[in-house]
Amino acid sequence: MAYLRVKRIKSGRYLYIQKSERKGGRMTTTILEYLGNADKVSPARLRKAIEYWGVTTRAKRKAKGGR
């Protein structure tokens, strides 16, 4: 399942779309797409990336019966 991650590096905030998967008993994360500086990402690009990778909100995941 893909999720949106906001990572802080120094004074900037950067957006990544990542997924977690289990490989050999360990959890690993894979960066699916780097979106860039959170202040400079256009809403249209963010919406398109979220739709493409199937990112859902926590509320939707809980409604489905997830953790």
Protein backbone atom coordinates (compact mmCIF):
# COMPACT_ATOMS: atom_id res chain seq x y z
CA MET A 1 0.00 0.00 0.00
CA ALA A 2 1.35 3.39 -0.98
CA TYR A 3 1.38 6.41 1.30
CA LEU A 4 2.40 10.05 1.18
CA ARG A 5 5.43 10.94 3.29
CA VAL A 6 6.50 14.44 4.27
CA LYS A 7 10.18 14.48 5.13
CA ARG A 8 11.84 17.45 6.81
CA ILE A 9 15.40 18.19 5.74
CA LYS A 10 16.90 21.26 7.40
CA SER A 11 14.24 23.96 6.97
CA GLY A 12 12.47 22.40 3.98
CA ARG A 13 9.64 19.89 3.66
CA TYR A 14 9.73 17.40 0.80
CA LEU A 15 7.03 15.05 -0.46
CA TYR A 16 7.55 11.42 -1.39
CA ILE A 17 5.17 8.64 -2.30
CA GLN A 18 6.43 5.44 -0.69
CA LYS A 19 5.32 1.89 -0.11
CA SER A 20 6.29 -0.62 2.55
CA GLU A 21 6.69 -4.30 1.88
CA ARG A 22 8.06 -7.28 3.73
CA LYS A 23 11.16 -8.93 2.25
CA GLY A 24 12.67 -11.90 4.05
CA GLY A 25 11.11 -11.04 7.39
CA ARG A 26 12.13 -7.38 7.26
CA MET A 27 10.10 -4.32 6.37
CA THR A 28 11.58 -2.22 3.60
CA THR A 29 10.37 1.04 2.11
CA THR A 30 10.55 1.88 -1.55
CA ILE A 31 10.26 5.40 -2.94
CA LEU A 32 7.77 5.29 -5.79
CA GLU A 33 7.87 8.98 -6.69
CA TYR A 34 9.66 12.11 -5.48
CA LEU A 35 7.37 15.13 -5.73
CA GLY A 36 9.78 17.83 -4.57
CA ASN A 37 9.51 20.73 -2.17
CA ALA A 38 6.09 20.74 -0.47
CA ASP A 39 5.70 24.49 -0.98
CA LYS A 40 6.34 24.29 -4.72
CA VAL A 41 4.32 21.19 -5.71
CA SER A 42 1.26 22.13 -7.72
CA PRO A 43 -2.03 20.72 -6.42
CA ALA A 44 -2.75 19.21 -9.84
CA ARG A 45 0.52 17.25 -9.85
CA LEU A 46 -0.03 16.06 -6.29
CA ARG A 47 -3.60 14.95 -7.08
CA LYS A 48 -2.44 13.13 -10.21
CA ALA A 49 0.33 11.28 -8.35
CA ILE A 50 -1.98 10.29 -5.48
CA GLU A 51 -4.54 8.94 -7.94
CA TYR A 52 -1.92 7.07 -10.01
CA TRP A 53 -0.31 5.30 -7.03
CA GLY A 54 -3.59 4.66 -5.21
CA VAL A 55 -2.71 6.57 -2.04
CA THR A 56 -5.55 6.57 0.49
CA THR A 57 -6.11 8.47 3.70
CA ARG A 58 -5.99 6.84 7.11
CA ALA A 59 -9.72 7.42 7.53
CA LYS A 60 -10.49 5.43 4.37
CA ARG A 61 -8.15 2.60 5.44
CA LYS A 62 -9.85 2.41 8.87
CA ALA A 63 -13.30 2.36 7.25
CA LYS A 64 -12.23 -0.65 5.17
CA GLY A 65 -11.35 -2.52 8.35
CA GLY A 66 -7.59 -2.07 8.36
CA ARG A 67 -5.51 -1.34 11.42
